Each structure stands twice: as structure tokens, then as C-alpha cells.
Amino acid sequence: IGSVVDKMEFSKKLRISNIFNHWEDIVGPEIAKKSRPERLIRRTLYISVTTSTWASELSLMSEKLIEKINSFIGEDIVKTIRFKADL
């Protein structure tokens, strides 16, 4: 049983890492140039952006971004997104 649990956790961590490794594939080149995912904590994805204007713009698009991310991963991993202008 332990090895199955280990494999499941590894598989989930691998899917989560795809958010960071395939950011441009998920959000497209324009958004990827202005943003970078930093960490995922308790289903909240923290994203750094270049300016507060981009933070506001992407905040308005957060539901669509969550759908894109979860669809790419194949699981509802991200529930909310927080943006910070510090890239």
C-alpha cells in the first residue's frame, strides 16, 4: 500500500510541476511574458506579474485561467489565484 501512495503523491507532484514547466503552453506567449507562477499552496496559485496593471487585468481573467490550468493538468488542482506585481 505504501508504494501505491508514494506513486500517487509523485504523480500529483508531477502534474503540479507541469504548471510551472509549461506556463507558456497554458496561458499563451503574451501572458507568459508578463507573468510567472511562483508557488501553489492549498490550491491557491501565486503568480508574479510585471506591473500592477497586469495584476488587475489577469485578476479579471482568473476564472478563465483557472479553467485553462486545471484542464491542462487534467485535475482540479487550482481553486484560486493571487497576483503580485513584483516580477
PDB file of N, CA and C in Angstrom:
ATOM      1  N   ILE A   1       0.843  -1.199   0.000  1.00  0.00           N
ATOM      2  CA  ILE A   1       0.000   0.000   0.000  1.00  0.00           C
ATOM      3  C   ILE A   1       0.877   1.249   0.000  1.00  0.00           C
ATOM      4  N   GLY A   2       1.946   1.219   0.753  1.00  0.00           N
ATOM      5  CA  GLY A   2       2.829   2.377   0.838  1.00  0.00           C
ATOM      6  C   GLY A   2       3.382   2.796  -0.513  1.00  0.00           C
ATOM      7  N   SER A   3       3.752   1.826  -1.338  1.00  0.00           N
ATOM      8  CA  SER A   3       4.304   2.171  -2.651  1.00  0.00           C
ATOM      9  C   SER A   3       3.246   2.792  -3.548  1.00  0.00           C
ATOM     10  N   VAL A   4       2.016   2.351  -3.416  1.00  0.00           N
ATOM     11  CA  VAL A   4       0.918   2.940  -4.203  1.00  0.00           C
ATOM     12  C   VAL A   4       0.708   4.392  -3.788  1.00  0.00           C
ATOM     13  N   VAL A   5       0.696   4.640  -2.499  1.00  0.00           N
ATOM     14  CA  VAL A   5       0.530   6.013  -2.002  1.00  0.00           C
ATOM     15  C   VAL A   5       1.684   6.889  -2.477  1.00  0.00           C
ATOM     16  N   ASP A   6       2.891   6.367  -2.400  1.00  0.00           N
ATOM     17  CA  ASP A   6       4.052   7.115  -2.869  1.00  0.00           C
ATOM     18  C   ASP A   6       3.928   7.452  -4.348  1.00  0.00           C
ATOM     19  N   LYS A   7       3.496   6.498  -5.143  1.00  0.00           N
ATOM     20  CA  LYS A   7       3.334   6.730  -6.575  1.00  0.00           C
ATOM     21  C   LYS A   7       2.251   7.768  -6.840  1.00  0.00           C
ATOM     22  N   MET A   8       1.169   7.730  -6.076  1.00  0.00           N
ATOM     23  CA  MET A   8       0.086   8.693  -6.251  1.00  0.00           C
ATOM     24  C   MET A   8       0.570  10.104  -5.926  1.00  0.00           C
ATOM     25  N   GLU A   9       1.290  10.247  -4.849  1.00  0.00           N
ATOM     26  CA  GLU A   9       1.814  11.564  -4.475  1.00  0.00           C
ATOM     27  C   GLU A   9       2.819  12.057  -5.509  1.00  0.00           C
ATOM     28  N   PHE A  10       3.650  11.172  -6.000  1.00  0.00           N
ATOM     29  CA  PHE A  10       4.623  11.543  -7.014  1.00  0.00           C
ATOM     30  C   PHE A  10       3.904  11.986  -8.282  1.00  0.00           C
ATOM     31  N   SER A  11       2.880  11.259  -8.660  1.00  0.00           N
ATOM     32  CA  SER A  11       2.119  11.586  -9.858  1.00  0.00           C
ATOM     33  C   SER A  11       1.459  12.960  -9.721  1.00  0.00           C
ATOM     34  N   LYS A  12       0.913  13.238  -8.565  1.00  0.00           N
ATOM     35  CA  LYS A  12       0.278  14.539  -8.337  1.00  0.00           C
ATOM     36  C   LYS A  12       1.317  15.660  -8.373  1.00  0.00           C
ATOM     37  N   LYS A  13       2.460  15.443  -7.749  1.00  0.00           N
ATOM     38  CA  LYS A  13       3.527  16.448  -7.762  1.00  0.00           C
ATOM     39  C   LYS A  13       4.020  16.688  -9.181  1.00  0.00           C
ATOM     40  N   LEU A  14       4.074  15.645  -9.970  1.00  0.00           N
ATOM     41  CA  LEU A  14       4.490  15.784 -11.358  1.00  0.00           C
ATOM     42  C   LEU A  14       3.478  16.627 -12.143  1.00  0.00           C
ATOM     43  N   ARG A  15       2.197  16.378 -11.931  1.00  0.00           N
ATOM     44  CA  ARG A  15       1.165  17.186 -12.605  1.00  0.00           C
ATOM     45  C   ARG A  15       1.251  18.640 -12.169  1.00  0.00           C
ATOM     46  N   ILE A  16       1.461  18.877 -10.889  1.00  0.00           N
ATOM     47  CA  ILE A  16       1.591  20.244 -10.387  1.00  0.00           C
ATOM     48  C   ILE A  16       2.801  20.925 -11.006  1.00  0.00           C
ATOM     49  N   SER A  17       3.899  20.206 -11.152  1.00  0.00           N
ATOM     50  CA  SER A  17       5.102  20.808 -11.735  1.00  0.00           C
ATOM     51  C   SER A  17       4.865  21.229 -13.184  1.00  0.00           C
ATOM     52  N   ASN A  18       3.916  20.605 -13.848  1.00  0.00           N
ATOM     53  CA  ASN A  18       3.600  20.988 -15.224  1.00  0.00           C
ATOM     54  C   ASN A  18       3.075  22.417 -15.318  1.00  0.00           C
ATOM     55  N   ILE A  19       2.462  22.914 -14.262  1.00  0.00           N
ATOM     56  CA  ILE A  19       2.013  24.316 -14.249  1.00  0.00           C
ATOM     57  C   ILE A  19       3.215  25.223 -14.448  1.00  0.00           C
ATOM     58  N   PHE A  20       4.288  24.936 -13.762  1.00  0.00           N
ATOM     59  CA  PHE A  20       5.477  25.784 -13.796  1.00  0.00           C
ATOM     60  C   PHE A  20       6.321  25.532 -15.054  1.00  0.00           C
ATOM     61  N   ASN A  21       6.378  24.287 -15.483  1.00  0.00           N
ATOM     62  CA  ASN A  21       7.199  23.922 -16.633  1.00  0.00           C
ATOM     63  C   ASN A  21       6.557  24.248 -17.976  1.00  0.00           C
ATOM     64  N   HIS A  22       5.251  24.369 -18.003  1.00  0.00           N
ATOM     65  CA  HIS A  22       4.527  24.591 -19.260  1.00  0.00           C
ATOM     66  C   HIS A  22       3.650  25.843 -19.196  1.00  0.00           C
ATOM     67  N   TRP A  23       4.085  26.834 -18.451  1.00  0.00           N
ATOM     68  CA  TRP A  23       3.295  28.039 -18.244  1.00  0.00           C
ATOM     69  C   TRP A  23       2.884  28.684 -19.571  1.00  0.00           C
ATOM     70  N   GLU A  24       3.828  28.842 -20.494  1.00  0.00           N
ATOM     71  CA  GLU A  24       3.510  29.477 -21.775  1.00  0.00           C
ATOM     72  C   GLU A  24       2.496  28.655 -22.566  1.00  0.00           C
ATOM     73  N   ASP A  25       2.603  27.340 -22.502  1.00  0.00           N
ATOM     74  CA  ASP A  25       1.638  26.479 -23.197  1.00  0.00           C
ATOM     75  C   ASP A  25       0.237  26.647 -22.619  1.00  0.00           C
ATOM     76  N   ILE A  26       0.147  26.903 -21.336  1.00  0.00           N
ATOM     77  CA  ILE A  26      -1.146  27.029 -20.662  1.00  0.00           C
ATOM     78  C   ILE A  26      -1.790  28.386 -20.940  1.00  0.00           C
ATOM     79  N   VAL A  27      -1.029  29.461 -20.754  1.00  0.00           N
ATOM     80  CA  VAL A  27      -1.622  30.808 -20.815  1.00  0.00           C
ATOM     81  C   VAL A  27      -1.345  31.548 -22.110  1.00  0.00           C
ATOM     82  N   GLY A  28      -0.445  31.055 -22.931  1.00  0.00           N
ATOM     83  CA  GLY A  28      -0.097  31.732 -24.170  1.00  0.00           C
ATOM     84  C   GLY A  28       1.111  32.628 -23.996  1.00  0.00           C
ATOM     85  N   PRO A  29       1.766  32.995 -25.109  1.00  0.00           N
ATOM     86  CA  PRO A  29       3.024  33.747 -25.039  1.00  0.00           C
ATOM     87  C   PRO A  29       2.897  35.155 -24.470  1.00  0.00           C
ATOM     88  N   GLU A  30       1.808  35.848 -24.761  1.00  0.00           N
ATOM     89  CA  GLU A  30       1.669  37.231 -24.277  1.00  0.00           C
ATOM     90  C   GLU A  30       1.582  37.296 -22.757  1.00  0.00           C
ATOM     91  N   ILE A  31       0.739  36.463 -22.186  1.00  0.00           N
ATOM     92  CA  ILE A  31       0.590  36.442 -20.726  1.00  0.00           C
ATOM     93  C   ILE A  31       1.854  35.886 -20.077  1.00  0.00           C
ATOM     94  N   ALA A  32       2.455  34.880 -20.695  1.00  0.00           N
ATOM     95  CA  ALA A  32       3.668  34.268 -20.135  1.00  0.00           C
ATOM     96  C   ALA A  32       4.826  35.263 -20.056  1.00  0.00           C
ATOM     97  N   LYS A  33       4.891  36.207 -20.993  1.00  0.00           N
ATOM     98  CA  LYS A  33       5.958  37.218 -20.958  1.00  0.00           C
ATOM     99  C   LYS A  33       5.812  38.150 -19.764  1.00  0.00           C
ATOM    100  N   LYS A  34       4.597  38.318 -19.290  1.00  0.00           N
ATOM    101  CA  LYS A  34       4.309  39.285 -18.230  1.00  0.00           C
ATOM    102  C   LYS A  34       4.048  38.646 -16.876  1.00  0.00           C
ATOM    103  N   SER A  35       4.106  37.318 -16.804  1.00  0.00           N
ATOM    104  CA  SER A  35       3.764  36.645 -15.548  1.00  0.00           C
ATOM    105  C   SER A  35       4.583  35.374 -15.368  1.00  0.00           C
ATOM    106  N   ARG A  36       4.626  34.928 -14.104  1.00  0.00           N
ATOM    107  CA  ARG A  36       5.340  33.694 -13.777  1.00  0.00           C
ATOM    108  C   ARG A  36       4.695  33.070 -12.535  1.00  0.00           C
ATOM    109  N   PRO A  37       4.304  31.808 -12.611  1.00  0.00           N
ATOM    110  CA  PRO A  37       3.783  31.154 -11.407  1.00  0.00           C
ATOM    111  C   PRO A  37       4.918  30.944 -10.407  1.00  0.00           C
ATOM    112  N   GLU A  38       4.655  31.242  -9.153  1.00  0.00           N
ATOM    113  CA  GLU A  38       5.688  31.150  -8.116  1.00  0.00           C
ATOM    114  C   GLU A  38       5.529  29.923  -7.224  1.00  0.00           C
ATOM    115  N   ARG A  39       4.301  29.692  -6.748  1.00  0.00           N
ATOM    116  CA  ARG A  39       4.087  28.563  -5.844  1.00  0.00           C
ATOM    117  C   ARG A  39       2.599  28.227  -5.782  1.00  0.00           C
ATOM    118  N   LEU A  40       2.315  27.018  -5.365  1.00  0.00           N
ATOM    119  CA  LEU A  40       0.952  26.554  -5.177  1.00  0.00           C
ATOM    120  C   LEU A  40       0.828  26.096  -3.736  1.00  0.00           C
ATOM    121  N   ILE A  41      -0.026  26.764  -2.985  1.00  0.00           N
ATOM    122  CA  ILE A  41      -0.225  26.434  -1.575  1.00  0.00           C
ATOM    123  C   ILE A  41      -1.721  26.301  -1.318  1.00  0.00           C
ATOM    124  N   ARG A  42      -2.110  25.125  -0.833  1.00  0.00           N
ATOM    125  CA  ARG A  42      -3.513  24.854  -0.509  1.00  0.00           C
ATOM    126  C   ARG A  42      -4.464  25.268  -1.626  1.00  0.00           C
ATOM    127  N   ARG A  43      -4.135  24.843  -2.846  1.00  0.00           N
ATOM    128  CA  ARG A  43      -4.954  25.063  -4.043  1.00  0.00           C
ATOM    129  C   ARG A  43      -5.019  26.526  -4.483  1.00  0.00           C
ATOM    130  N   THR A  44      -4.170  27.388  -3.902  1.00  0.00           N
ATOM    131  CA  THR A  44      -4.053  28.770  -4.356  1.00  0.00           C
ATOM    132  C   THR A  44      -2.731  28.919  -5.092  1.00  0.00           C
ATOM    133  N   LEU A  45      -2.812  29.384  -6.345  1.00  0.00           N
ATOM    134  CA  LEU A  45      -1.624  29.593  -7.156  1.00  0.00           C
ATOM    135  C   LEU A  45      -1.213  31.057  -7.044  1.00  0.00           C
ATOM    136  N   TYR A  46       0.023  31.288  -6.646  1.00  0.00           N
ATOM    137  CA  TYR A  46       0.572  32.637  -6.519  1.00  0.00           C
ATOM    138  C   TYR A  46       1.379  32.941  -7.769  1.00  0.00           C
ATOM    139  N   ILE A  47       1.044  34.065  -8.420  1.00  0.00           N
ATOM    140  CA  ILE A  47       1.666  34.434  -9.684  1.00  0.00           C
ATOM    141  C   ILE A  47       2.268  35.825  -9.571  1.00  0.00           C
ATOM    142  N   SER A  48       3.528  35.956  -9.965  1.00  0.00           N
ATOM    143  CA  SER A  48       4.186  37.266 -10.052  1.00  0.00           C
ATOM    144  C   SER A  48       3.927  37.836 -11.435  1.00  0.00           C
ATOM    145  N   VAL A  49       3.649  39.125 -11.494  1.00  0.00           N
ATOM    146  CA  VAL A  49       3.421  39.814 -12.764  1.00  0.00           C
ATOM    147  C   VAL A  49       4.296  41.055 -12.832  1.00  0.00           C
ATOM    148  N   THR A  50       4.458  41.590 -14.034  1.00  0.00           N
ATOM    149  CA  THR A  50       5.381  42.703 -14.234  1.00  0.00           C
ATOM    150  C   THR A  50       4.884  44.020 -13.653  1.00  0.00           C
ATOM    151  N   THR A  51       3.581  44.274 -13.696  1.00  0.00           N
ATOM    152  CA  THR A  51       3.038  45.555 -13.212  1.00  0.00           C
ATOM    153  C   THR A  51       1.712  45.331 -12.489  1.00  0.00           C
ATOM    154  N   SER A  52       1.310  46.323 -11.734  1.00  0.00           N
ATOM    155  CA  SER A  52       0.010  46.237 -11.059  1.00  0.00           C
ATOM    156  C   SER A  52      -1.135  46.244 -12.068  1.00  0.00           C
ATOM    157  N   THR A  53      -0.911  46.872 -13.220  1.00  0.00           N
ATOM    158  CA  THR A  53      -1.926  46.869 -14.275  1.00  0.00           C
ATOM    159  C   THR A  53      -2.165  45.442 -14.761  1.00  0.00           C
ATOM    160  N   TRP A  54      -1.081  44.692 -14.960  1.00  0.00           N
ATOM    161  CA  TRP A  54      -1.216  43.292 -15.366  1.00  0.00           C
ATOM    162  C   TRP A  54      -1.859  42.469 -14.265  1.00  0.00           C
ATOM    163  N   ALA A  55      -1.550  42.780 -13.029  1.00  0.00           N
ATOM    164  CA  ALA A  55      -2.179  42.064 -11.910  1.00  0.00           C
ATOM    165  C   ALA A  55      -3.688  42.255 -11.954  1.00  0.00           C
ATOM    166  N   SER A  56      -4.125  43.478 -12.187  1.00  0.00           N
ATOM    167  CA  SER A  56      -5.562  43.769 -12.274  1.00  0.00           C
ATOM    168  C   SER A  56      -6.192  43.075 -13.467  1.00  0.00           C
ATOM    169  N   GLU A  57      -5.529  43.164 -14.616  1.00  0.00           N
ATOM    170  CA  GLU A  57      -6.048  42.546 -15.843  1.00  0.00           C
ATOM    171  C   GLU A  57      -6.194  41.038 -15.683  1.00  0.00           C
ATOM    172  N   LEU A  58      -5.156  40.401 -15.170  1.00  0.00           N
ATOM    173  CA  LEU A  58      -5.199  38.954 -15.009  1.00  0.00           C
ATOM    174  C   LEU A  58      -6.168  38.534 -13.908  1.00  0.00           C
ATOM    175  N   SER A  59      -6.329  39.374 -12.916  1.00  0.00           N
ATOM    176  CA  SER A  59      -7.292  39.086 -11.861  1.00  0.00           C
ATOM    177  C   SER A  59      -8.709  38.979 -12.444  1.00  0.00           C
ATOM    178  N   LEU A  60      -9.003  39.842 -13.400  1.00  0.00           N
ATOM    179  CA  LEU A  60     -10.309  39.790 -14.063  1.00  0.00           C
ATOM    180  C   LEU A  60     -10.468  38.514 -14.892  1.00  0.00           C
ATOM    181  N   MET A  61      -9.357  37.950 -15.309  1.00  0.00           N
ATOM    182  CA  MET A  61      -9.367  36.735 -16.125  1.00  0.00           C
ATOM    183  C   MET A  61      -9.138  35.471 -15.294  1.00  0.00           C
ATOM    184  N   SER A  62      -9.107  35.591 -13.981  1.00  0.00           N
ATOM    185  CA  SER A  62      -8.676  34.471 -13.133  1.00  0.00           C
ATOM    186  C   SER A  62      -9.518  33.210 -13.315  1.00  0.00           C
ATOM    187  N   GLU A  63     -10.831  33.342 -13.471  1.00  0.00           N
ATOM    188  CA  GLU A  63     -11.660  32.141 -13.642  1.00  0.00           C
ATOM    189  C   GLU A  63     -11.269  31.396 -14.909  1.00  0.00           C
ATOM    190  N   LYS A  64     -11.046  32.133 -15.981  1.00  0.00           N
ATOM    191  CA  LYS A  64     -10.648  31.513 -17.240  1.00  0.00           C
ATOM    192  C   LYS A  64      -9.257  30.873 -17.115  1.00  0.00           C
ATOM    193  N   LEU A  65      -8.348  31.550 -16.420  1.00  0.00           N
ATOM    194  CA  LEU A  65      -7.010  30.999 -16.212  1.00  0.00           C
ATOM    195  C   LEU A  65      -7.065  29.720 -15.386  1.00  0.00           C
ATOM    196  N   ILE A  66      -7.887  29.704 -14.359  1.00  0.00           N
ATOM    197  CA  ILE A  66      -8.046  28.501 -13.528  1.00  0.00           C
ATOM    198  C   ILE A  66      -8.554  27.339 -14.378  1.00  0.00           C
ATOM    199  N   GLU A  67      -9.530  27.619 -15.238  1.00  0.00           N
ATOM    200  CA  GLU A  67     -10.052  26.584 -16.129  1.00  0.00           C
ATOM    201  C   GLU A  67      -8.956  26.047 -17.046  1.00  0.00           C
ATOM    202  N   LYS A  68      -8.159  26.949 -17.617  1.00  0.00           N
ATOM    203  CA  LYS A  68      -7.080  26.536 -18.519  1.00  0.00           C
ATOM    204  C   LYS A  68      -6.048  25.688 -17.785  1.00  0.00           C
ATOM    205  N   ILE A  69      -5.663  26.131 -16.596  1.00  0.00           N
ATOM    206  CA  ILE A  69      -4.663  25.409 -15.811  1.00  0.00           C
ATOM    207  C   ILE A  69      -5.169  24.010 -15.460  1.00  0.00           C
ATOM    208  N   ASN A  70      -6.353  23.940 -14.894  1.00  0.00           N
ATOM    209  CA  ASN A  70      -6.902  22.652 -14.471  1.00  0.00           C
ATOM    210  C   ASN A  70      -7.145  21.723 -15.658  1.00  0.00           C
ATOM    211  N   SER A  71      -7.557  22.281 -16.776  1.00  0.00           N
ATOM    212  CA  SER A  71      -7.754  21.483 -17.974  1.00  0.00           C
ATOM    213  C   SER A  71      -6.424  20.913 -18.463  1.00  0.00           C
ATOM    214  N   PHE A  72      -5.379  21.740 -18.455  1.00  0.00           N
ATOM    215  CA  PHE A  72      -4.056  21.293 -18.885  1.00  0.00           C
ATOM    216  C   PHE A  72      -3.533  20.184 -17.979  1.00  0.00           C
ATOM    217  N   ILE A  73      -3.754  20.325 -16.680  1.00  0.00           N
ATOM    218  CA  ILE A  73      -3.275  19.354 -15.697  1.00  0.00           C
ATOM    219  C   ILE A  73      -4.145  18.094 -15.703  1.00  0.00           C
ATOM    220  N   GLY A  74      -5.427  18.253 -16.016  1.00  0.00           N
ATOM    221  CA  GLY A  74      -6.336  17.110 -16.010  1.00  0.00           C
ATOM    222  C   GLY A  74      -6.945  16.834 -14.659  1.00  0.00           C
ATOM    223  N   GLU A  75      -6.912  17.826 -13.789  1.00  0.00           N
ATOM    224  CA  GLU A  75      -7.431  17.678 -12.426  1.00  0.00           C
ATOM    225  C   GLU A  75      -7.677  19.068 -11.854  1.00  0.00           C
ATOM    226  N   ASP A  76      -8.662  19.191 -10.981  1.00  0.00           N
ATOM    227  CA  ASP A  76      -8.934  20.478 -10.335  1.00  0.00           C
ATOM    228  C   ASP A  76      -7.944  20.709  -9.208  1.00  0.00           C
ATOM    229  N   ILE A  77      -6.766  21.178  -9.570  1.00  0.00           N
ATOM    230  CA  ILE A  77      -5.706  21.412  -8.600  1.00  0.00           C
ATOM    231  C   ILE A  77      -5.737  22.850  -8.092  1.00  0.00           C
ATOM    232  N   VAL A  78      -6.023  23.796  -8.974  1.00  0.00           N
ATOM    233  CA  VAL A  78      -6.031  25.217  -8.606  1.00  0.00           C
ATOM    234  C   VAL A  78      -7.471  25.670  -8.373  1.00  0.00           C
ATOM    235  N   LYS A  79      -7.695  26.292  -7.214  1.00  0.00           N
ATOM    236  CA  LYS A  79      -9.025  26.807  -6.879  1.00  0.00           C
ATOM    237  C   LYS A  79      -9.053  28.331  -6.987  1.00  0.00           C
ATOM    238  N   THR A  80      -7.980  28.994  -6.548  1.00  0.00           N
ATOM    239  CA  THR A  80      -7.900  30.444  -6.609  1.00  0.00           C
ATOM    240  C   THR A  80      -6.508  30.865  -7.087  1.00  0.00           C
ATOM    241  N   ILE A  81      -6.426  32.108  -7.554  1.00  0.00           N
ATOM    242  CA  ILE A  81      -5.158  32.672  -7.989  1.00  0.00           C
ATOM    243  C   ILE A  81      -4.965  34.011  -7.300  1.00  0.00           C
ATOM    244  N   ARG A  82      -3.758  34.260  -6.857  1.00  0.00           N
ATOM    245  CA  ARG A  82      -3.370  35.542  -6.266  1.00  0.00           C
ATOM    246  C   ARG A  82      -2.241  36.112  -7.108  1.00  0.00           C
ATOM    247  N   PHE A  83      -2.342  37.403  -7.436  1.00  0.00           N
ATOM    248  CA  PHE A  83      -1.349  38.061  -8.275  1.00  0.00           C
ATOM    249  C   PHE A  83      -0.586  39.097  -7.468  1.00  0.00           C
ATOM    250  N   LYS A  84       0.710  39.205  -7.777  1.00  0.00           N
ATOM    251  CA  LYS A  84       1.554  40.196  -7.106  1.00  0.00           C
ATOM    252  C   LYS A  84       2.484  40.811  -8.143  1.00  0.00           C
ATOM    253  N   ALA A  85       2.536  42.146  -8.172  1.00  0.00           N
ATOM    254  CA  ALA A  85       3.371  42.855  -9.133  1.00  0.00           C
ATOM    255  C   ALA A  85       4.778  42.973  -8.579  1.00  0.00           C
ATOM    256  N   ASP A  86       5.598  41.974  -8.879  1.00  0.00           N
ATOM    257  CA  ASP A  86       6.989  42.011  -8.395  1.00  0.00           C
ATOM    258  C   ASP A  86       7.936  41.247  -9.315  1.00  0.00           C
ATOM    259  N   LEU A  87       7.547  41.062 -10.548  1.00  0.00           N
ATOM    260  CA  LEU A  87       8.379  40.298 -11.481  1.00  0.00           C
ATOM    261  C   LEU A  87       9.482  41.160 -12.058  1.00  0.00           C
TER     262      LEU A  87
END
